[in-house]
Amino acid sequence: MPNKFYKLDESQNIIPVNTINDVADMFDDFKKRKVGHTCIGDIEISTVFLCIDHNYTNNGPPVLFETMVFGGEFDGECRRYSSWDEALSGHEKWVKKLGGEIKEKKSEKFNRFDIIDID
């Protein structure tokens, strides 16, 4: 049976783990799971690492990231991805589709780029 639980290391590499308890620290600190969070007016776009494989077919790679739109005409839209890079790209596509602008901000703690939108 394929592994179902995963965590990210400091470089956003996906690490398989044995139990849900092994990812408890990621659930406690949302910043460790955040790929991007953008607000465009009353619309929010959130992309996160899920920690649990959402590929229920067991065919193909684990599905571990999710972008969701809250508000506006696309409220409730959801897209899922298998890698950090796919998730980041998917987040950027939603931001652009909804009329936002991508601005990169260096995050010293995690040594990565967050997507932010400044109105």
PDB file of N, CA and C in Angstrom:
ATOM      1  N   MET A   1       0.849  -1.187   0.000  1.00  0.00           N
ATOM      2  CA  MET A   1       0.000   0.000   0.000  1.00  0.00           C
ATOM      3  C   MET A   1       0.889   1.243   0.000  1.00  0.00           C
ATOM      4  N   PRO A   2       0.575   2.214  -0.860  1.00  0.00           N
ATOM      5  CA  PRO A   2       1.401   3.426  -0.935  1.00  0.00           C
ATOM      6  C   PRO A   2       1.344   4.233   0.349  1.00  0.00           C
ATOM      7  N   ASN A   3       2.408   5.005   0.550  1.00  0.00           N
ATOM      8  CA  ASN A   3       2.473   5.887   1.710  1.00  0.00           C
ATOM      9  C   ASN A   3       1.390   6.956   1.584  1.00  0.00           C
ATOM     10  N   LYS A   4       0.775   7.349   2.686  1.00  0.00           N
ATOM     11  CA  LYS A   4      -0.282   8.352   2.669  1.00  0.00           C
ATOM     12  C   LYS A   4       0.088   9.646   3.374  1.00  0.00           C
ATOM     13  N   PHE A   5       1.172   9.659   4.156  1.00  0.00           N
ATOM     14  CA  PHE A   5       1.529  10.831   4.946  1.00  0.00           C
ATOM     15  C   PHE A   5       2.883  11.371   4.520  1.00  0.00           C
ATOM     16  N   TYR A   6       2.958  12.710   4.425  1.00  0.00           N
ATOM     17  CA  TYR A   6       4.174  13.362   3.945  1.00  0.00           C
ATOM     18  C   TYR A   6       4.388  14.657   4.710  1.00  0.00           C
ATOM     19  N   LYS A   7       5.636  15.099   4.723  1.00  0.00           N
ATOM     20  CA  LYS A   7       5.954  16.417   5.262  1.00  0.00           C
ATOM     21  C   LYS A   7       6.941  17.081   4.325  1.00  0.00           C
ATOM     22  N   LEU A   8       7.205  18.349   4.562  1.00  0.00           N
ATOM     23  CA  LEU A   8       8.166  19.107   3.777  1.00  0.00           C
ATOM     24  C   LEU A   8       9.390  19.399   4.625  1.00  0.00           C
ATOM     25  N   ASP A   9      10.570  19.338   4.016  1.00  0.00           N
ATOM     26  CA  ASP A   9      11.761  19.799   4.727  1.00  0.00           C
ATOM     27  C   ASP A   9      11.917  21.302   4.484  1.00  0.00           C
ATOM     28  N   GLU A  10      12.992  21.894   4.962  1.00  0.00           N
ATOM     29  CA  GLU A  10      13.202  23.340   4.871  1.00  0.00           C
ATOM     30  C   GLU A  10      13.326  23.829   3.431  1.00  0.00           C
ATOM     31  N   SER A  11      13.646  22.928   2.499  1.00  0.00           N
ATOM     32  CA  SER A  11      13.784  23.297   1.086  1.00  0.00           C
ATOM     33  C   SER A  11      12.571  22.894   0.261  1.00  0.00           C
ATOM     34  N   GLN A  12      11.472  22.572   0.921  1.00  0.00           N
ATOM     35  CA  GLN A  12      10.218  22.166   0.305  1.00  0.00           C
ATOM     36  C   GLN A  12      10.301  20.829  -0.435  1.00  0.00           C
ATOM     37  N   ASN A  13      11.257  19.986  -0.035  1.00  0.00           N
ATOM     38  CA  ASN A  13      11.300  18.623  -0.552  1.00  0.00           C
ATOM     39  C   ASN A  13      10.267  17.791   0.186  1.00  0.00           C
ATOM     40  N   ILE A  14       9.589  16.919  -0.538  1.00  0.00           N
ATOM     41  CA  ILE A  14       8.546  16.074   0.038  1.00  0.00           C
ATOM     42  C   ILE A  14       9.193  14.849   0.671  1.00  0.00           C
ATOM     43  N   ILE A  15       8.871  14.614   1.948  1.00  0.00           N
ATOM     44  CA  ILE A  15       9.443  13.504   2.718  1.00  0.00           C
ATOM     45  C   ILE A  15       8.311  12.568   3.162  1.00  0.00           C
ATOM     46  N   PRO A  16       8.340  11.292   2.748  1.00  0.00           N
ATOM     47  CA  PRO A  16       7.331  10.354   3.249  1.00  0.00           C
ATOM     48  C   PRO A  16       7.562  10.053   4.728  1.00  0.00           C
ATOM     49  N   VAL A  17       6.478   9.949   5.480  1.00  0.00           N
ATOM     50  CA  VAL A  17       6.554   9.599   6.901  1.00  0.00           C
ATOM     51  C   VAL A  17       5.554   8.479   7.174  1.00  0.00           C
ATOM     52  N   ASN A  18       5.646   7.882   8.350  1.00  0.00           N
ATOM     53  CA  ASN A  18       4.859   6.686   8.642  1.00  0.00           C
ATOM     54  C   ASN A  18       3.430   6.935   9.118  1.00  0.00           C
ATOM     55  N   THR A  19       3.240   7.949   9.948  1.00  0.00           N
ATOM     56  CA  THR A  19       1.912   8.148  10.537  1.00  0.00           C
ATOM     57  C   THR A  19       1.525   9.622  10.517  1.00  0.00           C
ATOM     58  N   ILE A  20       0.271   9.877  10.782  1.00  0.00           N
ATOM     59  CA  ILE A  20      -0.225  11.247  10.878  1.00  0.00           C
ATOM     60  C   ILE A  20       0.477  12.006  12.002  1.00  0.00           C
ATOM     61  N   ASN A  21       0.902  11.310  13.038  1.00  0.00           N
ATOM     62  CA  ASN A  21       1.618  11.956  14.139  1.00  0.00           C
ATOM     63  C   ASN A  21       2.940  12.550  13.679  1.00  0.00           C
ATOM     64  N   ASP A  22       3.529  11.971  12.622  1.00  0.00           N
ATOM     65  CA  ASP A  22       4.795  12.481  12.103  1.00  0.00           C
ATOM     66  C   ASP A  22       4.653  13.822  11.390  1.00  0.00           C
ATOM     67  N   VAL A  23       3.429  14.221  11.079  1.00  0.00           N
ATOM     68  CA  VAL A  23       3.218  15.515  10.426  1.00  0.00           C
ATOM     69  C   VAL A  23       2.527  16.514  11.348  1.00  0.00           C
ATOM     70  N   ALA A  24       2.379  16.163  12.604  1.00  0.00           N
ATOM     71  CA  ALA A  24       1.675  17.027  13.558  1.00  0.00           C
ATOM     72  C   ALA A  24       2.287  18.418  13.631  1.00  0.00           C
ATOM     73  N   ASP A  25       3.606  18.524  13.567  1.00  0.00           N
ATOM     74  CA  ASP A  25       4.247  19.838  13.644  1.00  0.00           C
ATOM     75  C   ASP A  25       3.864  20.722  12.463  1.00  0.00           C
ATOM     76  N   MET A  26       3.607  20.122  11.305  1.00  0.00           N
ATOM     77  CA  MET A  26       3.208  20.912  10.137  1.00  0.00           C
ATOM     78  C   MET A  26       1.776  21.426  10.305  1.00  0.00           C
ATOM     79  N   PHE A  27       0.923  20.661  10.937  1.00  0.00           N
ATOM     80  CA  PHE A  27      -0.441  21.123  11.181  1.00  0.00           C
ATOM     81  C   PHE A  27      -0.462  22.227  12.226  1.00  0.00           C
ATOM     82  N   ASP A  28       0.458  22.172  13.185  1.00  0.00           N
ATOM     83  CA  ASP A  28       0.515  23.180  14.233  1.00  0.00           C
ATOM     84  C   ASP A  28       1.035  24.526  13.741  1.00  0.00           C
ATOM     85  N   ASP A  29       1.870  24.515  12.702  1.00  0.00           N
ATOM     86  CA  ASP A  29       2.456  25.745  12.179  1.00  0.00           C
ATOM     87  C   ASP A  29       2.076  25.888  10.708  1.00  0.00           C
ATOM     88  N   PHE A  30       0.992  26.616  10.454  1.00  0.00           N
ATOM     89  CA  PHE A  30       0.465  26.761   9.102  1.00  0.00           C
ATOM     90  C   PHE A  30       1.506  27.306   8.132  1.00  0.00           C
ATOM     91  N   LYS A  31       2.388  28.161   8.598  1.00  0.00           N
ATOM     92  CA  LYS A  31       3.392  28.753   7.717  1.00  0.00           C
ATOM     93  C   LYS A  31       4.271  27.692   7.061  1.00  0.00           C
ATOM     94  N   LYS A  32       4.451  26.572   7.709  1.00  0.00           N
ATOM     95  CA  LYS A  32       5.257  25.490   7.129  1.00  0.00           C
ATOM     96  C   LYS A  32       4.558  24.840   5.938  1.00  0.00           C
ATOM     97  N   ARG A  33       3.232  24.979   5.859  1.00  0.00           N
ATOM     98  CA  ARG A  33       2.464  24.336   4.796  1.00  0.00           C
ATOM     99  C   ARG A  33       2.021  25.307   3.710  1.00  0.00           C
ATOM    100  N   LYS A  34       2.200  26.591   3.948  1.00  0.00           N
ATOM    101  CA  LYS A  34       1.700  27.601   3.015  1.00  0.00           C
ATOM    102  C   LYS A  34       2.601  27.723   1.790  1.00  0.00           C
ATOM    103  N   VAL A  35       1.996  27.588   0.632  1.00  0.00           N
ATOM    104  CA  VAL A  35       2.687  27.844  -0.627  1.00  0.00           C
ATOM    105  C   VAL A  35       2.419  29.281  -1.045  1.00  0.00           C
ATOM    106  N   GLY A  36       1.166  29.698  -0.962  1.00  0.00           N
ATOM    107  CA  GLY A  36       0.805  31.064  -1.309  1.00  0.00           C
ATOM    108  C   GLY A  36      -0.545  31.429  -0.751  1.00  0.00           C
ATOM    109  N   HIS A  37      -0.720  32.700  -0.438  1.00  0.00           N
ATOM    110  CA  HIS A  37      -2.004  33.224   0.016  1.00  0.00           C
ATOM    111  C   HIS A  37      -2.112  34.634  -0.543  1.00  0.00           C
ATOM    112  N   THR A  38      -3.139  34.855  -1.361  1.00  0.00           N
ATOM    113  CA  THR A  38      -3.293  36.140  -2.025  1.00  0.00           C
ATOM    114  C   THR A  38      -4.719  36.629  -1.852  1.00  0.00           C
ATOM    115  N   CYS A  39      -4.869  37.906  -1.527  1.00  0.00           N
ATOM    116  CA  CYS A  39      -6.177  38.543  -1.443  1.00  0.00           C
ATOM    117  C   CYS A  39      -6.289  39.556  -2.568  1.00  0.00           C
ATOM    118  N   ILE A  40      -7.392  39.462  -3.283  1.00  0.00           N
ATOM    119  CA  ILE A  40      -7.702  40.417  -4.347  1.00  0.00           C
ATOM    120  C   ILE A  40      -9.093  40.944  -4.023  1.00  0.00           C
ATOM    121  N   GLY A  41      -9.153  42.078  -3.392  1.00  0.00           N
ATOM    122  CA  GLY A  41     -10.436  42.584  -2.917  1.00  0.00           C
ATOM    123  C   GLY A  41     -11.004  41.635  -1.882  1.00  0.00           C
ATOM    124  N   ASP A  42     -12.224  41.151  -2.126  1.00  0.00           N
ATOM    125  CA  ASP A  42     -12.875  40.214  -1.206  1.00  0.00           C
ATOM    126  C   ASP A  42     -12.581  38.754  -1.542  1.00  0.00           C
ATOM    127  N   ILE A  43     -11.750  38.518  -2.538  1.00  0.00           N
ATOM    128  CA  ILE A  43     -11.431  37.148  -2.969  1.00  0.00           C
ATOM    129  C   ILE A  43     -10.107  36.720  -2.354  1.00  0.00           C
ATOM    130  N   GLU A  44     -10.087  35.493  -1.846  1.00  0.00           N
ATOM    131  CA  GLU A  44      -8.846  34.911  -1.322  1.00  0.00           C
ATOM    132  C   GLU A  44      -8.468  33.704  -2.159  1.00  0.00           C
ATOM    133  N   ILE A  45      -7.175  33.581  -2.419  1.00  0.00           N
ATOM    134  CA  ILE A  45      -6.627  32.406  -3.092  1.00  0.00           C
ATOM    135  C   ILE A  45      -5.603  31.818  -2.142  1.00  0.00           C
ATOM    136  N   SER A  46      -5.810  30.574  -1.784  1.00  0.00           N
ATOM    137  CA  SER A  46      -4.935  29.923  -0.813  1.00  0.00           C
ATOM    138  C   SER A  46      -4.388  28.628  -1.405  1.00  0.00           C
ATOM    139  N   THR A  47      -3.076  28.463  -1.317  1.00  0.00           N
ATOM    140  CA  THR A  47      -2.432  27.229  -1.781  1.00  0.00           C
ATOM    141  C   THR A  47      -1.597  26.675  -0.635  1.00  0.00           C
ATOM    142  N   VAL A  48      -1.857  25.405  -0.307  1.00  0.00           N
ATOM    143  CA  VAL A  48      -1.208  24.784   0.844  1.00  0.00           C
ATOM    144  C   VAL A  48      -0.746  23.358   0.533  1.00  0.00           C
ATOM    145  N   PHE A  49       0.187  22.905   1.348  1.00  0.00           N
ATOM    146  CA  PHE A  49       0.624  21.513   1.369  1.00  0.00           C
ATOM    147  C   PHE A  49      -0.339  20.765   2.279  1.00  0.00           C
ATOM    148  N   LEU A  50      -0.883  19.646   1.814  1.00  0.00           N
ATOM    149  CA  LEU A  50      -1.947  18.942   2.534  1.00  0.00           C
ATOM    150  C   LEU A  50      -1.458  17.922   3.563  1.00  0.00           C
ATOM    151  N   CYS A  51      -0.247  17.419   3.443  1.00  0.00           N
ATOM    152  CA  CYS A  51       0.354  16.416   4.334  1.00  0.00           C
ATOM    153  C   CYS A  51      -0.204  15.004   4.121  1.00  0.00           C
ATOM    154  N   ILE A  52      -1.382  14.891   3.564  1.00  0.00           N
ATOM    155  CA  ILE A  52      -2.018  13.597   3.335  1.00  0.00           C
ATOM    156  C   ILE A  52      -2.260  13.449   1.836  1.00  0.00           C
ATOM    157  N   ASP A  53      -1.885  12.313   1.289  1.00  0.00           N
ATOM    158  CA  ASP A  53      -2.059  12.055  -0.137  1.00  0.00           C
ATOM    159  C   ASP A  53      -3.547  12.049  -0.492  1.00  0.00           C
ATOM    160  N   HIS A  54      -3.933  12.910  -1.431  1.00  0.00           N
ATOM    161  CA  HIS A  54      -5.316  12.987  -1.897  1.00  0.00           C
ATOM    162  C   HIS A  54      -5.497  12.312  -3.258  1.00  0.00           C
ATOM    163  N   ASN A  55      -4.555  11.461  -3.640  1.00  0.00           N
ATOM    164  CA  ASN A  55      -4.699  10.642  -4.844  1.00  0.00           C
ATOM    165  C   ASN A  55      -5.370   9.347  -4.404  1.00  0.00           C
ATOM    166  N   TYR A  56      -6.654   9.290  -4.577  1.00  0.00           N
ATOM    167  CA  TYR A  56      -7.418   8.153  -4.064  1.00  0.00           C
ATOM    168  C   TYR A  56      -7.422   6.960  -5.015  1.00  0.00           C
ATOM    169  N   THR A  57      -6.816   7.115  -6.204  1.00  0.00           N
ATOM    170  CA  THR A  57      -6.768   6.015  -7.158  1.00  0.00           C
ATOM    171  C   THR A  57      -5.527   5.143  -6.984  1.00  0.00           C
ATOM    172  N   ASN A  58      -4.522   5.651  -6.295  1.00  0.00           N
ATOM    173  CA  ASN A  58      -3.232   4.977  -6.130  1.00  0.00           C
ATOM    174  C   ASN A  58      -2.496   4.800  -7.450  1.00  0.00           C
ATOM    175  N   ASN A  59      -2.943   5.466  -8.511  1.00  0.00           N
ATOM    176  CA  ASN A  59      -2.233   5.496  -9.785  1.00  0.00           C
ATOM    177  C   ASN A  59      -1.599   6.863  -9.932  1.00  0.00           C
ATOM    178  N   GLY A  60      -0.315   6.897 -10.203  1.00  0.00           N
ATOM    179  CA  GLY A  60       0.367   8.165 -10.358  1.00  0.00           C
ATOM    180  C   GLY A  60       0.948   8.661  -9.050  1.00  0.00           C
ATOM    181  N   PRO A  61       1.518   9.861  -9.089  1.00  0.00           N
ATOM    182  CA  PRO A  61       2.181  10.402  -7.899  1.00  0.00           C
ATOM    183  C   PRO A  61       1.180  10.834  -6.836  1.00  0.00           C
ATOM    184  N   PRO A  62       1.651  11.000  -5.603  1.00  0.00           N
ATOM    185  CA  PRO A  62       0.765  11.513  -4.559  1.00  0.00           C
ATOM    186  C   PRO A  62       0.293  12.929  -4.891  1.00  0.00           C
ATOM    187  N   VAL A  63      -0.914  13.238  -4.496  1.00  0.00           N
ATOM    188  CA  VAL A  63      -1.486  14.574  -4.680  1.00  0.00           C
ATOM    189  C   VAL A  63      -1.454  15.245  -3.306  1.00  0.00           C
ATOM    190  N   LEU A  64      -0.564  16.231  -3.155  1.00  0.00           N
ATOM    191  CA  LEU A  64      -0.240  16.747  -1.833  1.00  0.00           C
ATOM    192  C   LEU A  64      -0.430  18.252  -1.652  1.00  0.00           C
ATOM    193  N   PHE A  65      -0.839  18.952  -2.693  1.00  0.00           N
ATOM    194  CA  PHE A  65      -1.006  20.404  -2.624  1.00  0.00           C
ATOM    195  C   PHE A  65      -2.379  20.772  -3.161  1.00  0.00           C
ATOM    196  N   GLU A  66      -2.910  21.893  -2.662  1.00  0.00           N
ATOM    197  CA  GLU A  66      -4.243  22.311  -3.080  1.00  0.00           C
ATOM    198  C   GLU A  66      -4.338  23.828  -3.130  1.00  0.00           C
ATOM    199  N   THR A  67      -4.933  24.326  -4.211  1.00  0.00           N
ATOM    200  CA  THR A  67      -5.289  25.738  -4.322  1.00  0.00           C
ATOM    201  C   THR A  67      -6.804  25.832  -4.242  1.00  0.00           C
ATOM    202  N   MET A  68      -7.281  26.748  -3.394  1.00  0.00           N
ATOM    203  CA  MET A  68      -8.710  27.003  -3.294  1.00  0.00           C
ATOM    204  C   MET A  68      -8.982  28.494  -3.434  1.00  0.00           C
ATOM    205  N   VAL A  69     -10.111  28.799  -4.068  1.00  0.00           N
ATOM    206  CA  VAL A  69     -10.564  30.178  -4.220  1.00  0.00           C
ATOM    207  C   VAL A  69     -11.757  30.373  -3.304  1.00  0.00           C
ATOM    208  N   PHE A  70     -11.738  31.464  -2.553  1.00  0.00           N
ATOM    209  CA  PHE A  70     -12.824  31.811  -1.643  1.00  0.00           C
ATOM    210  C   PHE A  70     -13.380  33.172  -2.047  1.00  0.00           C
ATOM    211  N   GLY A  71     -14.652  33.207  -2.421  1.00  0.00           N
ATOM    212  CA  GLY A  71     -15.296  34.447  -2.819  1.00  0.00           C
ATOM    213  C   GLY A  71     -15.306  34.628  -4.321  1.00  0.00           C
ATOM    214  N   GLY A  72     -16.128  35.554  -4.760  1.00  0.00           N
ATOM    215  CA  GLY A  72     -16.212  35.870  -6.182  1.00  0.00           C
ATOM    216  C   GLY A  72     -16.883  34.772  -6.988  1.00  0.00           C
ATOM    217  N   GLU A  73     -16.842  34.922  -8.303  1.00  0.00           N
ATOM    218  CA  GLU A  73     -17.536  33.982  -9.181  1.00  0.00           C
ATOM    219  C   GLU A  73     -16.919  32.588  -9.183  1.00  0.00           C
ATOM    220  N   PHE A  74     -15.685  32.448  -8.747  1.00  0.00           N
ATOM    221  CA  PHE A  74     -15.028  31.142  -8.715  1.00  0.00           C
ATOM    222  C   PHE A  74     -14.965  30.555  -7.298  1.00  0.00           C
ATOM    223  N   ASP A  75     -15.788  31.072  -6.405  1.00  0.00           N
ATOM    224  CA  ASP A  75     -15.812  30.599  -5.021  1.00  0.00           C
ATOM    225  C   ASP A  75     -15.933  29.076  -4.976  1.00  0.00           C
ATOM    226  N   GLY A  76     -15.045  28.452  -4.221  1.00  0.00           N
ATOM    227  CA  GLY A  76     -15.072  27.005  -4.055  1.00  0.00           C
ATOM    228  C   GLY A  76     -14.253  26.238  -5.077  1.00  0.00           C
ATOM    229  N   GLU A  77     -13.715  26.921  -6.079  1.00  0.00           N
ATOM    230  CA  GLU A  77     -12.877  26.230  -7.067  1.00  0.00           C
ATOM    231  C   GLU A  77     -11.648  25.658  -6.371  1.00  0.00           C
ATOM    232  N   CYS A  78     -11.267  24.474  -6.777  1.00  0.00           N
ATOM    233  CA  CYS A  78     -10.153  23.769  -6.144  1.00  0.00           C
ATOM    234  C   CYS A  78      -9.322  23.080  -7.220  1.00  0.00           C
ATOM    235  N   ARG A  79      -8.015  23.186  -7.103  1.00  0.00           N
ATOM    236  CA  ARG A  79      -7.091  22.467  -7.975  1.00  0.00           C
ATOM    237  C   ARG A  79      -6.046  21.811  -7.085  1.00  0.00           C
ATOM    238  N   ARG A  80      -5.648  20.613  -7.457  1.00  0.00           N
ATOM    239  CA  ARG A  80      -4.651  19.883  -6.661  1.00  0.00           C
ATOM    240  C   ARG A  80      -3.442  19.525  -7.513  1.00  0.00           C
ATOM    241  N   TYR A  81      -2.299  19.377  -6.817  1.00  0.00           N
ATOM    242  CA  TYR A  81      -1.017  19.197  -7.496  1.00  0.00           C
ATOM    243  C   TYR A  81      -0.147  18.190  -6.739  1.00  0.00           C
ATOM    244  N   SER A  82       0.881  17.729  -7.424  1.00  0.00           N
ATOM    245  CA  SER A  82       1.782  16.726  -6.838  1.00  0.00           C
ATOM    246  C   SER A  82       3.116  17.298  -6.381  1.00  0.00           C
ATOM    247  N   SER A  83       3.455  18.509  -6.799  1.00  0.00           N
ATOM    248  CA  SER A  83       4.753  19.072  -6.406  1.00  0.00           C
ATOM    249  C   SER A  83       4.615  20.528  -5.980  1.00  0.00           C
ATOM    250  N   TRP A  84       5.615  20.998  -5.260  1.00  0.00           N
ATOM    251  CA  TRP A  84       5.670  22.397  -4.833  1.00  0.00           C
ATOM    252  C   TRP A  84       5.627  23.315  -6.050  1.00  0.00           C
ATOM    253  N   ASP A  85       6.429  23.009  -7.069  1.00  0.00           N
ATOM    254  CA  ASP A  85       6.495  23.866  -8.249  1.00  0.00           C
ATOM    255  C   ASP A  85       5.160  23.931  -8.988  1.00  0.00           C
ATOM    256  N   GLU A  86       4.465  22.782  -9.115  1.00  0.00           N
ATOM    257  CA  GLU A  86       3.140  22.786  -9.737  1.00  0.00           C
ATOM    258  C   GLU A  86       2.170  23.640  -8.925  1.00  0.00           C
ATOM    259  N   ALA A  87       2.229  23.514  -7.609  1.00  0.00           N
ATOM    260  CA  ALA A  87       1.332  24.276  -6.733  1.00  0.00           C
ATOM    261  C   ALA A  87       1.612  25.772  -6.843  1.00  0.00           C
ATOM    262  N   LEU A  88       2.862  26.146  -6.854  1.00  0.00           N
ATOM    263  CA  LEU A  88       3.238  27.554  -6.975  1.00  0.00           C
ATOM    264  C   LEU A  88       2.756  28.117  -8.308  1.00  0.00           C
ATOM    265  N   SER A  89       2.964  27.367  -9.378  1.00  0.00           N
ATOM    266  CA  SER A  89       2.511  27.786 -10.700  1.00  0.00           C
ATOM    267  C   SER A  89       0.989  27.883 -10.757  1.00  0.00           C
ATOM    268  N   GLY A  90       0.307  26.914 -10.154  1.00  0.00           N
ATOM    269  CA  GLY A  90      -1.150  26.938 -10.119  1.00  0.00           C
ATOM    270  C   GLY A  90      -1.676  28.138  -9.353  1.00  0.00           C
ATOM    271  N   HIS A  91      -1.024  28.469  -8.252  1.00  0.00           N
ATOM    272  CA  HIS A  91      -1.427  29.638  -7.470  1.00  0.00           C
ATOM    273  C   HIS A  91      -1.277  30.904  -8.315  1.00  0.00           C
ATOM    274  N   GLU A  92      -0.139  31.024  -8.970  1.00  0.00           N
ATOM    275  CA  GLU A  92       0.111  32.198  -9.812  1.00  0.00           C
ATOM    276  C   GLU A  92      -0.936  32.324 -10.914  1.00  0.00           C
ATOM    277  N   LYS A  93      -1.325  31.200 -11.518  1.00  0.00           N
ATOM    278  CA  LYS A  93      -2.334  31.231 -12.584  1.00  0.00           C
ATOM    279  C   LYS A  93      -3.671  31.749 -12.067  1.00  0.00           C
ATOM    280  N   TRP A  94      -4.078  31.310 -10.867  1.00  0.00           N
ATOM    281  CA  TRP A  94      -5.333  31.791 -10.295  1.00  0.00           C
ATOM    282  C   TRP A  94      -5.254  33.279  -9.978  1.00  0.00           C
ATOM    283  N   VAL A  95      -4.128  33.717  -9.441  1.00  0.00           N
ATOM    284  CA  VAL A  95      -3.975  35.144  -9.129  1.00  0.00           C
ATOM    285  C   VAL A  95      -4.131  35.969 -10.402  1.00  0.00           C
ATOM    286  N   LYS A  96      -3.458  35.557 -11.456  1.00  0.00           N
ATOM    287  CA  LYS A  96      -3.535  36.297 -12.723  1.00  0.00           C
ATOM    288  C   LYS A  96      -4.936  36.220 -13.317  1.00  0.00           C
ATOM    289  N   LYS A  97      -5.568  35.039 -13.251  1.00  0.00           N
ATOM    290  CA  LYS A  97      -6.916  34.873 -13.794  1.00  0.00           C
ATOM    291  C   LYS A  97      -7.914  35.799 -13.112  1.00  0.00           C
ATOM    292  N   LEU A  98      -7.714  36.026 -11.823  1.00  0.00           N
ATOM    293  CA  LEU A  98      -8.640  36.857 -11.063  1.00  0.00           C
ATOM    294  C   LEU A  98      -8.202  38.317 -10.994  1.00  0.00           C
ATOM    295  N   GLY A  99      -7.203  38.674 -11.799  1.00  0.00           N
ATOM    296  CA  GLY A  99      -6.831  40.080 -11.936  1.00  0.00           C
ATOM    297  C   GLY A  99      -5.833  40.588 -10.923  1.00  0.00           C
ATOM    298  N   GLY A 100      -5.188  39.691 -10.200  1.00  0.00           N
ATOM    299  CA  GLY A 100      -4.187  40.100  -9.221  1.00  0.00           C
ATOM    300  C   GLY A 100      -2.814  40.213  -9.848  1.00  0.00           C
ATOM    301  N   GLU A 101      -1.889  40.633  -9.043  1.00  0.00           N
ATOM    302  CA  GLU A 101      -0.516  40.812  -9.483  1.00  0.00           C
ATOM    303  C   GLU A 101       0.399  40.028  -8.554  1.00  0.00           C
ATOM    304  N   ILE A 102       1.387  39.368  -9.121  1.00  0.00           N
ATOM    305  CA  ILE A 102       2.340  38.594  -8.329  1.00  0.00           C
ATOM    306  C   ILE A 102       3.500  39.498  -7.929  1.00  0.00           C
ATOM    307  N   LYS A 103       3.759  39.539  -6.654  1.00  0.00           N
ATOM    308  CA  LYS A 103       4.930  40.243  -6.133  1.00  0.00           C
ATOM    309  C   LYS A 103       5.675  39.245  -5.264  1.00  0.00           C
ATOM    310  N   GLU A 104       6.951  39.108  -5.451  1.00  0.00           N
ATOM    311  CA  GLU A 104       7.704  38.128  -4.678  1.00  0.00           C
ATOM    312  C   GLU A 104       8.329  38.773  -3.460  1.00  0.00           C
ATOM    313  N   LYS A 105       8.289  38.047  -2.371  1.00  0.00           N
ATOM    314  CA  LYS A 105       8.838  38.517  -1.105  1.00  0.00           C
ATOM    315  C   LYS A 105       9.697  37.399  -0.540  1.00  0.00           C
ATOM    316  N   LYS A 106      10.933  37.675  -0.276  1.00  0.00           N
ATOM    317  CA  LYS A 106      11.839  36.671   0.283  1.00  0.00           C
ATOM    318  C   LYS A 106      11.449  36.386   1.728  1.00  0.00           C
ATOM    319  N   SER A 107      11.247  35.130   2.036  1.00  0.00           N
ATOM    320  CA  SER A 107      10.925  34.714   3.391  1.00  0.00           C
ATOM    321  C   SER A 107      12.200  34.170   4.024  1.00  0.00           C
ATOM    322  N   GLU A 108      12.778  34.908   4.943  1.00  0.00           N
ATOM    323  CA  GLU A 108      14.059  34.516   5.526  1.00  0.00           C
ATOM    324  C   GLU A 108      13.964  33.205   6.295  1.00  0.00           C
ATOM    325  N   LYS A 109      12.874  33.013   7.003  1.00  0.00           N
ATOM    326  CA  LYS A 109      12.751  31.825   7.839  1.00  0.00           C
ATOM    327  C   LYS A 109      12.765  30.534   7.021  1.00  0.00           C
ATOM    328  N   PHE A 110      12.067  30.534   5.870  1.00  0.00           N
ATOM    329  CA  PHE A 110      11.953  29.317   5.100  1.00  0.00           C
ATOM    330  C   PHE A 110      12.798  29.337   3.837  1.00  0.00           C
ATOM    331  N   ASN A 111      13.518  30.444   3.595  1.00  0.00           N
ATOM    332  CA  ASN A 111      14.410  30.551   2.456  1.00  0.00           C
ATOM    333  C   ASN A 111      13.698  30.177   1.158  1.00  0.00           C
ATOM    334  N   ARG A 112      12.540  30.785   0.948  1.00  0.00           N
ATOM    335  CA  ARG A 112      11.772  30.553  -0.262  1.00  0.00           C
ATOM    336  C   ARG A 112      11.043  31.839  -0.612  1.00  0.00           C
ATOM    337  N   PHE A 113      10.328  31.810  -1.698  1.00  0.00           N
ATOM    338  CA  PHE A 113       9.546  32.974  -2.093  1.00  0.00           C
ATOM    339  C   PHE A 113       8.082  32.711  -1.829  1.00  0.00           C
ATOM    340  N   ASP A 114       7.429  33.650  -1.154  1.00  0.00           N
ATOM    341  CA  ASP A 114       5.993  33.601  -0.946  1.00  0.00           C
ATOM    342  C   ASP A 114       5.339  34.454  -2.025  1.00  0.00           C
ATOM    343  N   ILE A 115       4.144  34.108  -2.372  1.00  0.00           N
ATOM    344  CA  ILE A 115       3.373  34.949  -3.277  1.00  0.00           C
ATOM    345  C   ILE A 115       2.525  35.859  -2.416  1.00  0.00           C
ATOM    346  N   ILE A 116       2.610  37.139  -2.704  1.00  0.00           N
ATOM    347  CA  ILE A 116       1.780  38.078  -1.961  1.00  0.00           C
ATOM    348  C   ILE A 116       1.158  39.054  -2.944  1.00  0.00           C
ATOM    349  N   ASP A 117       0.088  39.653  -2.570  1.00  0.00           N
ATOM    350  CA  ASP A 117      -0.552  40.670  -3.379  1.00  0.00           C
ATOM    351  C   ASP A 117      -0.807  41.865  -2.487  1.00  0.00           C
ATOM    352  N   ILE A 118      -0.321  42.999  -2.866  1.00  0.00           N
ATOM    353  CA  ILE A 118      -0.506  44.203  -2.072  1.00  0.00           C
ATOM    354  C   ILE A 118      -1.457  45.116  -2.814  1.00  0.00           C
ATOM    355  N   ASP A 119      -2.624  45.374  -2.208  1.00  0.00           N
ATOM    356  CA  ASP A 119      -3.606  46.266  -2.854  1.00  0.00           C
ATOM    357  C   ASP A 119      -3.121  47.690  -2.832  1.00  0.00           C
TER     358      ASP A 119
END
